[in-house]
Amino acid sequence: MFKTIHPLLCLLAVIGACFVLAGGCLTGEASGPQDGGAAGHAQEPDYTDAYYWLSLPSVEKAVDVFYVYPTVSSSPDGSMNITSDDERALAQGIFAAQASVYTPHANVFAPYYRQMSTQVAVGPDQLATDTDEFKQGAIDVQEAFDYYIANLNDGRPIIIAGHSQGTMALIELIRNRFGDDEALRSRLVAAYLIGYTVTDADLEAAGLTAAKGATDTGVVVTYNTQSPTSAGGPMLMPGAHCINPLTWTTDDASAPASENLGARFYDDATGEFLREVANYSDARIDPETGALTTTIPADEDLDIGPYSEGVYHRYDYAFWYRNLEQNVGDRIAAFLNATDSGRP
């Protein structure tokens, strides 16, 4: 069930900006960092308590998003300390940078979870997804989802969304929760499983298909971004599905930068919004590797973290931000229109 992952995947940079969380609707209040935030709270999450939710929105829209953040923790214990104000703040930052793609269109729910931290040592012959640390985080995500479905969703259509380690945990979630649940699959608008390899085996286990267009629903949207000359990163493995976020097609036609509605960048360390650039870069799928390739402006000097040349993993949301935002709205409209037309 679990895939091979290179140890460098644990070294993902944090991309984010501060975000004011919606008020708690459970036994407490989901909020930003507080002095002494761990007082009275255990490391093991209790999702009946709003303290363990990064986002509990006021329900104002017809569709929900269940979002899981990528690697932010460098805890020496090997797992994110979800009672640490500092680590919670990192999750809040990346929530702003990525989940803000979804907030204009949907109610975004997001749990804190005990993800595998960057301090987990993974040997060359070991699967990081087989480590106790990853498994613990993936179980937290599934328990949060189960609680959300039973107590918070109220039957609304769902989008599943994440990045990197968040996507890894969500792949386990869809395999374990969607494959045998036709009713749950029927409520899925789309799963945005970005920044990690999604294979045919994953889709078959989940009873889902890969997205082929801009408005198909009940599908998985996935890609991994790199330069045309890059050898690729540890997130991209054989059999990876890919869709072009500028054209929402799966062929190898090149989409010019003029179709890029806007890239949106944040400071990794502070979460401060830096800039937005229209027509930032082009996009093309490499049919041999399944990579989403792009040529960024020649004067750019981007920090790509620990990865090799041209691996733009940390910018999987940033480069295509406005196109993603628009597509979320388009898929939701298509889903709701189809649902309405099918009613007696």
C-alpha atoms as a PDB file:
ATOM      1  CA  MET A   1       0.000   0.000   0.000  1.00  0.00           C
ATOM      2  CA  PHE A   2       2.779   2.445   0.874  1.00  0.00           C
ATOM      3  CA  LYS A   3       5.159   3.891  -1.701  1.00  0.00           C
ATOM      4  CA  THR A   4       8.884   4.466  -1.677  1.00  0.00           C
ATOM      5  CA  ILE A   5       9.895   7.958  -0.701  1.00  0.00           C
ATOM      6  CA  HIS A   6      13.337   9.536  -0.627  1.00  0.00           C
ATOM      7  CA  PRO A   7      14.461  10.942   2.773  1.00  0.00           C
ATOM      8  CA  LEU A   8      14.703  14.427   1.298  1.00  0.00           C
ATOM      9  CA  LEU A   9      10.924  14.572   1.083  1.00  0.00           C
ATOM     10  CA  CYS A  10      11.021  15.125   4.818  1.00  0.00           C
ATOM     11  CA  LEU A  11      12.900  18.393   4.250  1.00  0.00           C
ATOM     12  CA  LEU A  12      10.075  20.334   2.653  1.00  0.00           C
ATOM     13  CA  ALA A  13      10.211  24.087   3.145  1.00  0.00           C
ATOM     14  CA  VAL A  14       7.314  25.906   4.709  1.00  0.00           C
ATOM     15  CA  ILE A  15       5.449  28.249   2.382  1.00  0.00           C
ATOM     16  CA  GLY A  16       2.801  30.334   4.082  1.00  0.00           C
ATOM     17  CA  ALA A  17       1.244  33.454   5.453  1.00  0.00           C
ATOM     18  CA  CYS A  18      -0.620  34.105   8.683  1.00  0.00           C
ATOM     19  CA  PHE A  19      -4.295  33.240   8.513  1.00  0.00           C
ATOM     20  CA  VAL A  20      -7.089  34.150  10.892  1.00  0.00           C
ATOM     21  CA  LEU A  21      -8.901  30.915  11.612  1.00  0.00           C
ATOM     22  CA  ALA A  22     -12.636  30.640  11.805  1.00  0.00           C
ATOM     23  CA  GLY A  23     -14.198  30.245  15.225  1.00  0.00           C
ATOM     24  CA  GLY A  24     -14.477  26.854  16.903  1.00  0.00           C
ATOM     25  CA  CYS A  25     -17.733  24.951  16.729  1.00  0.00           C
ATOM     26  CA  LEU A  26     -16.748  22.063  18.982  1.00  0.00           C
ATOM     27  CA  THR A  27     -15.582  21.862  22.610  1.00  0.00           C
ATOM     28  CA  GLY A  28     -13.228  24.799  22.436  1.00  0.00           C
ATOM     29  CA  GLU A  29     -12.035  27.311  19.865  1.00  0.00           C
ATOM     30  CA  ALA A  30      -9.672  26.835  16.949  1.00  0.00           C
ATOM     31  CA  SER A  31      -7.309  29.781  17.005  1.00  0.00           C
ATOM     32  CA  GLY A  32      -3.775  30.945  16.332  1.00  0.00           C
ATOM     33  CA  PRO A  33      -0.769  30.439  18.632  1.00  0.00           C
ATOM     34  CA  GLN A  34      -1.318  31.250  22.277  1.00  0.00           C
ATOM     35  CA  ASP A  35       1.043  31.487  25.237  1.00  0.00           C
ATOM     36  CA  GLY A  36       1.075  28.155  27.008  1.00  0.00           C
ATOM     37  CA  GLY A  37      -1.062  26.655  24.258  1.00  0.00           C
ATOM     38  CA  ALA A  38      -0.227  23.091  25.316  1.00  0.00           C
ATOM     39  CA  ALA A  39      -1.720  23.474  28.791  1.00  0.00           C
ATOM     40  CA  GLY A  40      -4.510  21.010  29.322  1.00  0.00           C
ATOM     41  CA  HIS A  41      -3.977  19.327  25.941  1.00  0.00           C
ATOM     42  CA  ALA A  42      -2.387  15.990  25.160  1.00  0.00           C
ATOM     43  CA  GLN A  43      -0.249  15.231  22.120  1.00  0.00           C
ATOM     44  CA  GLU A  44      -2.701  12.594  20.943  1.00  0.00           C
ATOM     45  CA  PRO A  45      -5.411  14.519  19.089  1.00  0.00           C
ATOM     46  CA  ASP A  46      -9.031  14.432  20.191  1.00  0.00           C
ATOM     47  CA  TYR A  47     -10.978  15.719  17.223  1.00  0.00           C
ATOM     48  CA  THR A  48     -14.046  16.395  19.346  1.00  0.00           C
ATOM     49  CA  ASP A  49     -11.960  19.301  20.719  1.00  0.00           C
ATOM     50  CA  ALA A  50     -11.608  22.331  18.437  1.00  0.00           C
ATOM     51  CA  TYR A  51      -8.044  22.821  19.697  1.00  0.00           C
ATOM     52  CA  TYR A  52      -6.953  20.008  17.375  1.00  0.00           C
ATOM     53  CA  TRP A  53      -8.411  21.660  14.296  1.00  0.00           C
ATOM     54  CA  LEU A  54      -6.364  24.107  12.273  1.00  0.00           C
ATOM     55  CA  SER A  55      -9.535  25.370  10.605  1.00  0.00           C
ATOM     56  CA  LEU A  56     -13.165  25.017  11.642  1.00  0.00           C
ATOM     57  CA  PRO A  57     -15.043  27.426   9.373  1.00  0.00           C
ATOM     58  CA  SER A  58     -18.494  28.858   9.682  1.00  0.00           C
ATOM     59  CA  VAL A  59     -20.511  26.866   7.162  1.00  0.00           C
ATOM     60  CA  GLU A  60     -21.587  29.383   4.535  1.00  0.00           C
ATOM     61  CA  LYS A  61     -21.002  27.538   1.250  1.00  0.00           C
ATOM     62  CA  ALA A  62     -22.513  24.479  -0.411  1.00  0.00           C
ATOM     63  CA  VAL A  63     -19.267  22.479  -0.596  1.00  0.00           C
ATOM     64  CA  ASP A  64     -16.596  21.513   1.957  1.00  0.00           C
ATOM     65  CA  VAL A  65     -12.849  21.013   1.592  1.00  0.00           C
ATOM     66  CA  PHE A  66     -10.921  18.618   3.819  1.00  0.00           C
ATOM     67  CA  TYR A  67      -7.343  19.937   3.600  1.00  0.00           C
ATOM     68  CA  VAL A  68      -4.133  18.350   4.915  1.00  0.00           C
ATOM     69  CA  TYR A  69      -0.950  20.440   5.074  1.00  0.00           C
ATOM     70  CA  PRO A  70       2.527  19.325   3.906  1.00  0.00           C
ATOM     71  CA  THR A  71       5.634  18.824   6.040  1.00  0.00           C
ATOM     72  CA  VAL A  72       6.203  21.749   8.382  1.00  0.00           C
ATOM     73  CA  SER A  73       7.634  20.050  11.479  1.00  0.00           C
ATOM     74  CA  SER A  74      11.279  19.714  12.466  1.00  0.00           C
ATOM     75  CA  SER A  75      10.497  18.225  15.858  1.00  0.00           C
ATOM     76  CA  PRO A  76      13.436  16.215  17.243  1.00  0.00           C
ATOM     77  CA  ASP A  77      10.912  13.651  18.481  1.00  0.00           C
ATOM     78  CA  GLY A  78      10.247  12.612  14.878  1.00  0.00           C
ATOM     79  CA  SER A  79       6.608  13.677  14.898  1.00  0.00           C
ATOM     80  CA  MET A  80       5.006  17.115  14.837  1.00  0.00           C
ATOM     81  CA  ASN A  81       4.221  18.397  18.297  1.00  0.00           C
ATOM     82  CA  ILE A  82       0.679  19.583  17.697  1.00  0.00           C
ATOM     83  CA  THR A  83       0.583  21.286  21.093  1.00  0.00           C
ATOM     84  CA  SER A  84       3.593  23.466  20.245  1.00  0.00           C
ATOM     85  CA  ASP A  85       2.623  27.036  19.440  1.00  0.00           C
ATOM     86  CA  ASP A  86       5.607  27.342  17.098  1.00  0.00           C
ATOM     87  CA  GLU A  87       4.733  24.238  15.086  1.00  0.00           C
ATOM     88  CA  ARG A  88       1.044  25.116  14.998  1.00  0.00           C
ATOM     89  CA  ALA A  89       2.002  28.528  13.617  1.00  0.00           C
ATOM     90  CA  LEU A  90       3.899  26.861  10.760  1.00  0.00           C
ATOM     91  CA  ALA A  91       0.805  24.858   9.856  1.00  0.00           C
ATOM     92  CA  GLN A  92      -1.253  28.053   9.963  1.00  0.00           C
ATOM     93  CA  GLY A  93       1.189  29.734   7.576  1.00  0.00           C
ATOM     94  CA  ILE A  94       1.061  27.010   4.951  1.00  0.00           C
ATOM     95  CA  PHE A  95      -2.708  26.888   5.323  1.00  0.00           C
ATOM     96  CA  ALA A  96      -2.846  30.515   4.214  1.00  0.00           C
ATOM     97  CA  ALA A  97      -0.538  29.938   1.254  1.00  0.00           C
ATOM     98  CA  GLN A  98      -2.282  26.839  -0.066  1.00  0.00           C
ATOM     99  CA  ALA A  99      -5.770  26.463   1.369  1.00  0.00           C
ATOM    100  CA  SER A 100      -6.600  30.028   0.358  1.00  0.00           C
ATOM    101  CA  VAL A 101      -6.993  28.562  -3.142  1.00  0.00           C
ATOM    102  CA  TYR A 102     -10.127  26.839  -1.822  1.00  0.00           C
ATOM    103  CA  THR A 103     -11.581  29.335   0.671  1.00  0.00           C
ATOM    104  CA  PRO A 104     -13.343  31.578  -1.880  1.00  0.00           C
ATOM    105  CA  HIS A 105     -15.466  28.631  -2.977  1.00  0.00           C
ATOM    106  CA  ALA A 106     -15.832  26.251  -0.039  1.00  0.00           C
ATOM    107  CA  ASN A 107     -15.812  25.702   3.715  1.00  0.00           C
ATOM    108  CA  VAL A 108     -12.263  24.513   4.458  1.00  0.00           C
ATOM    109  CA  PHE A 109     -11.798  22.074   7.340  1.00  0.00           C
ATOM    110  CA  ALA A 110      -8.241  21.167   8.331  1.00  0.00           C
ATOM    111  CA  PRO A 111      -6.970  19.090  11.265  1.00  0.00           C
ATOM    112  CA  TYR A 112      -3.659  19.313  13.044  1.00  0.00           C
ATOM    113  CA  TYR A 113      -1.969  15.920  12.776  1.00  0.00           C
ATOM    114  CA  ARG A 114       1.208  14.299  14.087  1.00  0.00           C
ATOM    115  CA  GLN A 115       3.023  14.272  10.769  1.00  0.00           C
ATOM    116  CA  MET A 116       6.476  12.796  10.263  1.00  0.00           C
ATOM    117  CA  SER A 117       9.030  15.527  10.979  1.00  0.00           C
ATOM    118  CA  THR A 118      12.188  16.362   9.049  1.00  0.00           C
ATOM    119  CA  GLN A 119      14.234  14.671  11.801  1.00  0.00           C
ATOM    120  CA  VAL A 120      13.172  11.152  10.847  1.00  0.00           C
ATOM    121  CA  ALA A 121      16.169   9.319   9.399  1.00  0.00           C
ATOM    122  CA  VAL A 122      15.207   7.082   6.500  1.00  0.00           C
ATOM    123  CA  GLY A 123      17.799   4.686   5.145  1.00  0.00           C
ATOM    124  CA  PRO A 124      18.261   3.941   1.434  1.00  0.00           C
ATOM    125  CA  ASP A 125      16.530   0.575   1.771  1.00  0.00           C
ATOM    126  CA  GLN A 126      13.697   1.766   4.011  1.00  0.00           C
ATOM    127  CA  LEU A 127      10.299   3.110   3.050  1.00  0.00           C
ATOM    128  CA  ALA A 128       9.533   6.353   4.846  1.00  0.00           C
ATOM    129  CA  THR A 129       5.841   5.558   4.525  1.00  0.00           C
ATOM    130  CA  ASP A 130       6.502   2.407   6.540  1.00  0.00           C
ATOM    131  CA  THR A 131       7.906   4.363   9.471  1.00  0.00           C
ATOM    132  CA  ASP A 132       5.886   4.558  12.648  1.00  0.00           C
ATOM    133  CA  GLU A 133       6.000   8.352  12.397  1.00  0.00           C
ATOM    134  CA  PHE A 134       4.319   8.519   8.991  1.00  0.00           C
ATOM    135  CA  LYS A 135       1.778   5.840   9.862  1.00  0.00           C
ATOM    136  CA  GLN A 136       0.823   7.697  13.039  1.00  0.00           C
ATOM    137  CA  GLY A 137       0.201  10.906  11.101  1.00  0.00           C
ATOM    138  CA  ALA A 138      -1.803   9.108   8.412  1.00  0.00           C
ATOM    139  CA  ILE A 139      -3.990   7.499  11.097  1.00  0.00           C
ATOM    140  CA  ASP A 140      -4.578  10.931  12.661  1.00  0.00           C
ATOM    141  CA  VAL A 141      -5.751  12.219   9.271  1.00  0.00           C
ATOM    142  CA  GLN A 142      -8.143   9.299   8.832  1.00  0.00           C
ATOM    143  CA  GLU A 143      -9.553   9.731  12.334  1.00  0.00           C
ATOM    144  CA  ALA A 144     -10.024  13.456  11.739  1.00  0.00           C
ATOM    145  CA  PHE A 145     -11.791  12.702   8.442  1.00  0.00           C
ATOM    146  CA  ASP A 146     -14.049  10.123  10.075  1.00  0.00           C
ATOM    147  CA  TYR A 147     -15.016  12.641  12.761  1.00  0.00           C
ATOM    148  CA  TYR A 148     -15.558  15.337  10.148  1.00  0.00           C
ATOM    149  CA  ILE A 149     -17.838  13.110   8.039  1.00  0.00           C
ATOM    150  CA  ALA A 150     -19.872  11.958  11.042  1.00  0.00           C
ATOM    151  CA  ASN A 151     -20.216  15.284  12.833  1.00  0.00           C
ATOM    152  CA  LEU A 152     -19.301  18.293  10.681  1.00  0.00           C
ATOM    153  CA  ASN A 153     -20.049  17.607   7.008  1.00  0.00           C
ATOM    154  CA  ASP A 154     -23.829  17.207   7.199  1.00  0.00           C
ATOM    155  CA  GLY A 155     -23.984  15.515   3.798  1.00  0.00           C
ATOM    156  CA  ARG A 156     -22.417  18.325   1.750  1.00  0.00           C
ATOM    157  CA  PRO A 157     -20.262  17.615  -1.333  1.00  0.00           C
ATOM    158  CA  ILE A 158     -16.561  17.239  -0.546  1.00  0.00           C
ATOM    159  CA  ILE A 159     -13.202  18.233  -1.961  1.00  0.00           C
ATOM    160  CA  ILE A 160     -10.107  16.437  -0.638  1.00  0.00           C
ATOM    161  CA  ALA A 161      -6.963  18.568  -0.886  1.00  0.00           C
ATOM    162  CA  GLY A 162      -3.344  18.532   0.212  1.00  0.00           C
ATOM    163  CA  HIS A 163       0.295  18.744  -0.748  1.00  0.00           C
ATOM    164  CA  SER A 164       3.372  16.536  -0.349  1.00  0.00           C
ATOM    165  CA  GLN A 165       3.171  14.645   2.968  1.00  0.00           C
ATOM    166  CA  GLY A 166      -0.426  15.841   3.215  1.00  0.00           C
ATOM    167  CA  THR A 167      -1.106  14.233  -0.156  1.00  0.00           C
ATOM    168  CA  MET A 168       0.682  11.072   0.955  1.00  0.00           C
ATOM    169  CA  ALA A 169      -1.682  10.797   3.927  1.00  0.00           C
ATOM    170  CA  LEU A 170      -4.679  11.556   1.707  1.00  0.00           C
ATOM    171  CA  ILE A 171      -3.715   8.798  -0.732  1.00  0.00           C
ATOM    172  CA  GLU A 172      -3.985   6.382   2.189  1.00  0.00           C
ATOM    173  CA  LEU A 173      -7.279   7.990   3.132  1.00  0.00           C
ATOM    174  CA  ILE A 174      -8.921   7.586  -0.274  1.00  0.00           C
ATOM    175  CA  ARG A 175      -7.675   4.012  -0.575  1.00  0.00           C
ATOM    176  CA  ASN A 176      -9.070   3.098   2.844  1.00  0.00           C
ATOM    177  CA  ARG A 177     -12.271   5.148   2.939  1.00  0.00           C
ATOM    178  CA  PHE A 178     -13.493   5.714  -0.617  1.00  0.00           C
ATOM    179  CA  GLY A 179     -12.881   2.375  -2.324  1.00  0.00           C
ATOM    180  CA  ASP A 180     -15.747   0.542  -0.631  1.00  0.00           C
ATOM    181  CA  ASP A 181     -18.051   3.513  -0.115  1.00  0.00           C
ATOM    182  CA  GLU A 182     -20.002   4.388  -3.251  1.00  0.00           C
ATOM    183  CA  ALA A 183     -22.092   6.959  -1.396  1.00  0.00           C
ATOM    184  CA  LEU A 184     -18.980   8.820  -0.272  1.00  0.00           C
ATOM    185  CA  ARG A 185     -17.513   8.706  -3.782  1.00  0.00           C
ATOM    186  CA  SER A 186     -20.743  10.157  -5.169  1.00  0.00           C
ATOM    187  CA  ARG A 187     -20.240  13.264  -3.017  1.00  0.00           C
ATOM    188  CA  LEU A 188     -16.651  13.859  -4.124  1.00  0.00           C
ATOM    189  CA  VAL A 189     -16.266  16.974  -6.264  1.00  0.00           C
ATOM    190  CA  ALA A 190     -12.546  16.280  -6.744  1.00  0.00           C
ATOM    191  CA  ALA A 191      -9.397  15.305  -4.871  1.00  0.00           C
ATOM    192  CA  TYR A 192      -6.520  17.748  -5.379  1.00  0.00           C
ATOM    193  CA  LEU A 193      -3.632  15.405  -4.518  1.00  0.00           C
ATOM    194  CA  ILE A 194      -0.734  17.658  -5.474  1.00  0.00           C
ATOM    195  CA  GLY A 195       2.994  17.168  -4.985  1.00  0.00           C
ATOM    196  CA  TYR A 196       3.269  13.387  -4.841  1.00  0.00           C
ATOM    197  CA  THR A 197       2.848  10.448  -7.215  1.00  0.00           C
ATOM    198  CA  VAL A 198      -0.670   9.101  -7.715  1.00  0.00           C
ATOM    199  CA  THR A 199      -0.692   5.815  -9.630  1.00  0.00           C
ATOM    200  CA  ASP A 200      -3.269   3.593 -11.311  1.00  0.00           C
ATOM    201  CA  ALA A 201      -3.099   1.301  -8.286  1.00  0.00           C
ATOM    202  CA  ASP A 202      -4.060   4.168  -5.980  1.00  0.00           C
ATOM    203  CA  LEU A 203      -6.972   5.142  -8.194  1.00  0.00           C
ATOM    204  CA  GLU A 204      -8.214   1.563  -8.511  1.00  0.00           C
ATOM    205  CA  ALA A 205      -8.092   1.046  -4.746  1.00  0.00           C
ATOM    206  CA  ALA A 206     -10.052   4.267  -4.211  1.00  0.00           C
ATOM    207  CA  GLY A 207     -12.563   3.573  -6.984  1.00  0.00           C
ATOM    208  CA  LEU A 208     -11.641   6.881  -8.644  1.00  0.00           C
ATOM    209  CA  THR A 209     -10.213   8.112 -11.939  1.00  0.00           C
ATOM    210  CA  ALA A 210      -7.681  10.785 -12.839  1.00  0.00           C
ATOM    211  CA  ALA A 211      -8.967  14.142 -14.050  1.00  0.00           C
ATOM    212  CA  LYS A 212      -8.978  14.587 -17.835  1.00  0.00           C
ATOM    213  CA  GLY A 213     -10.497  18.056 -18.132  1.00  0.00           C
ATOM    214  CA  ALA A 214     -11.379  21.281 -16.343  1.00  0.00           C
ATOM    215  CA  THR A 215     -14.828  20.317 -15.132  1.00  0.00           C
ATOM    216  CA  ASP A 216     -14.966  16.549 -14.707  1.00  0.00           C
ATOM    217  CA  THR A 217     -15.925  15.607 -11.152  1.00  0.00           C
ATOM    218  CA  GLY A 218     -15.329  12.735  -8.774  1.00  0.00           C
ATOM    219  CA  VAL A 219     -11.739  12.725 -10.047  1.00  0.00           C
ATOM    220  CA  VAL A 220      -8.168  13.104  -8.803  1.00  0.00           C
ATOM    221  CA  VAL A 221      -6.196  16.202  -9.817  1.00  0.00           C
ATOM    222  CA  THR A 222      -2.456  15.669  -9.471  1.00  0.00           C
ATOM    223  CA  TYR A 223       0.919  16.897 -10.761  1.00  0.00           C
ATOM    224  CA  ASN A 224       4.560  17.439  -9.737  1.00  0.00           C
ATOM    225  CA  THR A 225       6.325  20.582 -11.004  1.00  0.00           C
ATOM    226  CA  GLN A 226       9.891  20.756 -12.342  1.00  0.00           C
ATOM    227  CA  SER A 227      11.972  22.371 -15.071  1.00  0.00           C
ATOM    228  CA  PRO A 228      12.304  20.712 -18.506  1.00  0.00           C
ATOM    229  CA  THR A 229      15.952  19.907 -17.749  1.00  0.00           C
ATOM    230  CA  SER A 230      15.431  18.564 -14.237  1.00  0.00           C
ATOM    231  CA  ALA A 231      16.186  14.944 -13.419  1.00  0.00           C
ATOM    232  CA  GLY A 232      13.188  15.023 -11.106  1.00  0.00           C
ATOM    233  CA  GLY A 233      12.669  14.815  -7.378  1.00  0.00           C
ATOM    234  CA  PRO A 234      11.786  12.063  -4.930  1.00  0.00           C
ATOM    235  CA  MET A 235       8.066  12.848  -5.170  1.00  0.00           C
ATOM    236  CA  LEU A 236       7.880  11.875  -8.848  1.00  0.00           C
ATOM    237  CA  MET A 237       7.946   8.118  -9.410  1.00  0.00           C
ATOM    238  CA  PRO A 238       7.040   5.770 -12.269  1.00  0.00           C
ATOM    239  CA  GLY A 239       3.373   5.665 -13.144  1.00  0.00           C
ATOM    240  CA  ALA A 240       2.602   9.195 -11.974  1.00  0.00           C
ATOM    241  CA  HIS A 241      -0.553  10.782 -13.317  1.00  0.00           C
ATOM    242  CA  CYS A 242      -0.415  14.451 -14.309  1.00  0.00           C
ATOM    243  CA  ILE A 243      -2.739  17.184 -15.514  1.00  0.00           C
ATOM    244  CA  ASN A 244      -1.702  20.571 -16.900  1.00  0.00           C
ATOM    245  CA  PRO A 245      -3.113  23.291 -14.584  1.00  0.00           C
ATOM    246  CA  LEU A 246      -3.071  25.915 -17.351  1.00  0.00           C
ATOM    247  CA  THR A 247      -5.163  23.954 -19.868  1.00  0.00           C
ATOM    248  CA  TRP A 248      -6.611  21.162 -17.719  1.00  0.00           C
ATOM    249  CA  THR A 249      -5.603  18.612 -20.325  1.00  0.00           C
ATOM    250  CA  THR A 250      -3.425  15.504 -20.046  1.00  0.00           C
ATOM    251  CA  ASP A 251      -1.667  15.576 -23.422  1.00  0.00           C
ATOM    252  CA  ASP A 252       1.856  16.880 -23.999  1.00  0.00           C
ATOM    253  CA  ALA A 253       0.854  20.156 -25.673  1.00  0.00           C
ATOM    254  CA  SER A 254       2.650  23.203 -24.296  1.00  0.00           C
ATOM    255  CA  ALA A 255       0.561  25.918 -22.669  1.00  0.00           C
ATOM    256  CA  PRO A 256       2.134  29.393 -22.941  1.00  0.00           C
ATOM    257  CA  ALA A 257       2.752  31.631 -19.970  1.00  0.00           C
ATOM    258  CA  SER A 258      -0.027  33.896 -21.214  1.00  0.00           C
ATOM    259  CA  GLU A 259      -2.472  31.265 -19.896  1.00  0.00           C
ATOM    260  CA  ASN A 260      -1.039  31.529 -16.387  1.00  0.00           C
ATOM    261  CA  LEU A 261      -3.544  33.694 -14.509  1.00  0.00           C
ATOM    262  CA  GLY A 262      -1.148  34.430 -11.680  1.00  0.00           C
ATOM    263  CA  ALA A 263       1.559  32.923  -9.510  1.00  0.00           C
ATOM    264  CA  ARG A 264       1.449  33.880  -5.839  1.00  0.00           C
ATOM    265  CA  PHE A 265       4.532  33.778  -3.607  1.00  0.00           C
ATOM    266  CA  TYR A 266       5.059  33.797   0.148  1.00  0.00           C
ATOM    267  CA  ASP A 267       8.155  34.047   2.340  1.00  0.00           C
ATOM    268  CA  ASP A 268       9.059  30.595   3.626  1.00  0.00           C
ATOM    269  CA  ALA A 269      10.323  31.654   7.033  1.00  0.00           C
ATOM    270  CA  THR A 270       7.813  34.332   8.026  1.00  0.00           C
ATOM    271  CA  GLY A 271       4.701  33.449   6.065  1.00  0.00           C
ATOM    272  CA  GLU A 272       4.616  36.975   4.663  1.00  0.00           C
ATOM    273  CA  PHE A 273       2.966  37.465   1.266  1.00  0.00           C
ATOM    274  CA  LEU A 274       5.598  38.679  -1.186  1.00  0.00           C
ATOM    275  CA  ARG A 275       4.197  39.141  -4.663  1.00  0.00           C
ATOM    276  CA  GLU A 276       1.810  38.030  -7.355  1.00  0.00           C
ATOM    277  CA  VAL A 277       2.937  37.702 -10.979  1.00  0.00           C
ATOM    278  CA  ALA A 278       0.561  37.300 -13.906  1.00  0.00           C
ATOM    279  CA  ASN A 279       1.681  35.174 -16.893  1.00  0.00           C
ATOM    280  CA  TYR A 280       4.507  33.808 -14.775  1.00  0.00           C
ATOM    281  CA  SER A 281       5.457  30.590 -16.586  1.00  0.00           C
ATOM    282  CA  ASP A 282       4.369  28.045 -19.161  1.00  0.00           C
ATOM    283  CA  ALA A 283       3.438  24.403 -18.572  1.00  0.00           C
ATOM    284  CA  ARG A 284       3.815  21.115 -20.409  1.00  0.00           C
ATOM    285  CA  ILE A 285       3.480  17.480 -19.350  1.00  0.00           C
ATOM    286  CA  ASP A 286       6.485  15.275 -20.025  1.00  0.00           C
ATOM    287  CA  PRO A 287       4.852  12.084 -21.348  1.00  0.00           C
ATOM    288  CA  GLU A 288       7.905   9.980 -20.477  1.00  0.00           C
ATOM    289  CA  THR A 289       8.072  10.867 -16.775  1.00  0.00           C
ATOM    290  CA  GLY A 290       4.654  12.287 -15.945  1.00  0.00           C
ATOM    291  CA  ALA A 291       6.253  15.509 -14.714  1.00  0.00           C
ATOM    292  CA  LEU A 292       4.643  18.918 -15.114  1.00  0.00           C
ATOM    293  CA  THR A 293       7.457  20.926 -16.689  1.00  0.00           C
ATOM    294  CA  THR A 294       7.794  24.692 -16.733  1.00  0.00           C
ATOM    295  CA  THR A 295      10.328  27.359 -17.669  1.00  0.00           C
ATOM    296  CA  ILE A 296      10.365  30.166 -15.126  1.00  0.00           C
ATOM    297  CA  PRO A 297      11.514  33.730 -15.900  1.00  0.00           C
ATOM    298  CA  ALA A 298      15.255  33.947 -16.576  1.00  0.00           C
ATOM    299  CA  ASP A 299      15.861  36.510 -13.828  1.00  0.00           C
ATOM    300  CA  GLU A 300      14.271  34.418 -11.093  1.00  0.00           C
ATOM    301  CA  ASP A 301      16.432  33.098  -8.242  1.00  0.00           C
ATOM    302  CA  LEU A 302      14.096  30.779  -6.398  1.00  0.00           C
ATOM    303  CA  ASP A 303      15.002  28.818  -3.288  1.00  0.00           C
ATOM    304  CA  ILE A 304      14.100  25.227  -4.150  1.00  0.00           C
ATOM    305  CA  GLY A 305      15.270  23.815  -0.835  1.00  0.00           C
ATOM    306  CA  PRO A 306      17.223  20.556  -0.674  1.00  0.00           C
ATOM    307  CA  TYR A 307      16.244  19.340  -4.114  1.00  0.00           C
ATOM    308  CA  SER A 308      18.260  19.007  -7.312  1.00  0.00           C
ATOM    309  CA  GLU A 309      18.152  21.422 -10.232  1.00  0.00           C
ATOM    310  CA  GLY A 310      14.710  22.483 -11.322  1.00  0.00           C
ATOM    311  CA  VAL A 311      12.651  20.573  -8.766  1.00  0.00           C
ATOM    312  CA  TYR A 312       9.930  23.116  -7.966  1.00  0.00           C
ATOM    313  CA  HIS A 313       8.122  20.972  -5.422  1.00  0.00           C
ATOM    314  CA  ARG A 314       7.715  23.764  -2.918  1.00  0.00           C
ATOM    315  CA  TYR A 315       6.004  25.905  -5.598  1.00  0.00           C
ATOM    316  CA  ASP A 316       3.409  23.344  -6.708  1.00  0.00           C
ATOM    317  CA  TYR A 317       0.659  25.681  -5.479  1.00  0.00           C
ATOM    318  CA  ALA A 318       2.433  29.017  -5.926  1.00  0.00           C
ATOM    319  CA  PHE A 319       3.175  28.805  -9.674  1.00  0.00           C
ATOM    320  CA  TRP A 320      -0.408  27.920 -10.612  1.00  0.00           C
ATOM    321  CA  TYR A 321      -2.265  29.659  -7.791  1.00  0.00           C
ATOM    322  CA  ARG A 322      -4.894  31.628  -9.725  1.00  0.00           C
ATOM    323  CA  ASN A 323      -5.542  28.819 -12.216  1.00  0.00           C
ATOM    324  CA  LEU A 324      -6.099  26.418  -9.332  1.00  0.00           C
ATOM    325  CA  GLU A 325      -8.390  28.888  -7.602  1.00  0.00           C
ATOM    326  CA  GLN A 326     -10.489  29.304 -10.738  1.00  0.00           C
ATOM    327  CA  ASN A 327     -10.602  25.563 -11.366  1.00  0.00           C
ATOM    328  CA  VAL A 328     -11.904  24.819  -7.885  1.00  0.00           C
ATOM    329  CA  GLY A 329     -14.824  27.115  -8.585  1.00  0.00           C
ATOM    330  CA  ASP A 330     -15.403  25.591 -12.023  1.00  0.00           C
ATOM    331  CA  ARG A 331     -15.457  22.009 -10.725  1.00  0.00           C
ATOM    332  CA  ILE A 332     -17.799  22.943  -7.897  1.00  0.00           C
ATOM    333  CA  ALA A 333     -20.180  24.637 -10.341  1.00  0.00           C
ATOM    334  CA  ALA A 334     -20.099  21.598 -12.630  1.00  0.00           C
ATOM    335  CA  PHE A 335     -20.797  19.243  -9.723  1.00  0.00           C
ATOM    336  CA  LEU A 336     -23.677  21.316  -8.353  1.00  0.00           C
ATOM    337  CA  ASN A 337     -25.189  21.803 -11.804  1.00  0.00           C
ATOM    338  CA  ALA A 338     -25.076  18.062 -12.462  1.00  0.00           C
ATOM    339  CA  THR A 339     -26.575  17.331  -9.079  1.00  0.00           C
ATOM    340  CA  ASP A 340     -29.385  19.838  -9.590  1.00  0.00           C
ATOM    341  CA  SER A 341     -30.165  18.521 -13.069  1.00  0.00           C
ATOM    342  CA  GLY A 342     -30.444  15.000 -11.732  1.00  0.00           C
ATOM    343  CA  ARG A 343     -33.054  15.878  -9.126  1.00  0.00           C
ATOM    344  CA  PRO A 344     -36.703  14.974  -9.745  1.00  0.00           C
END
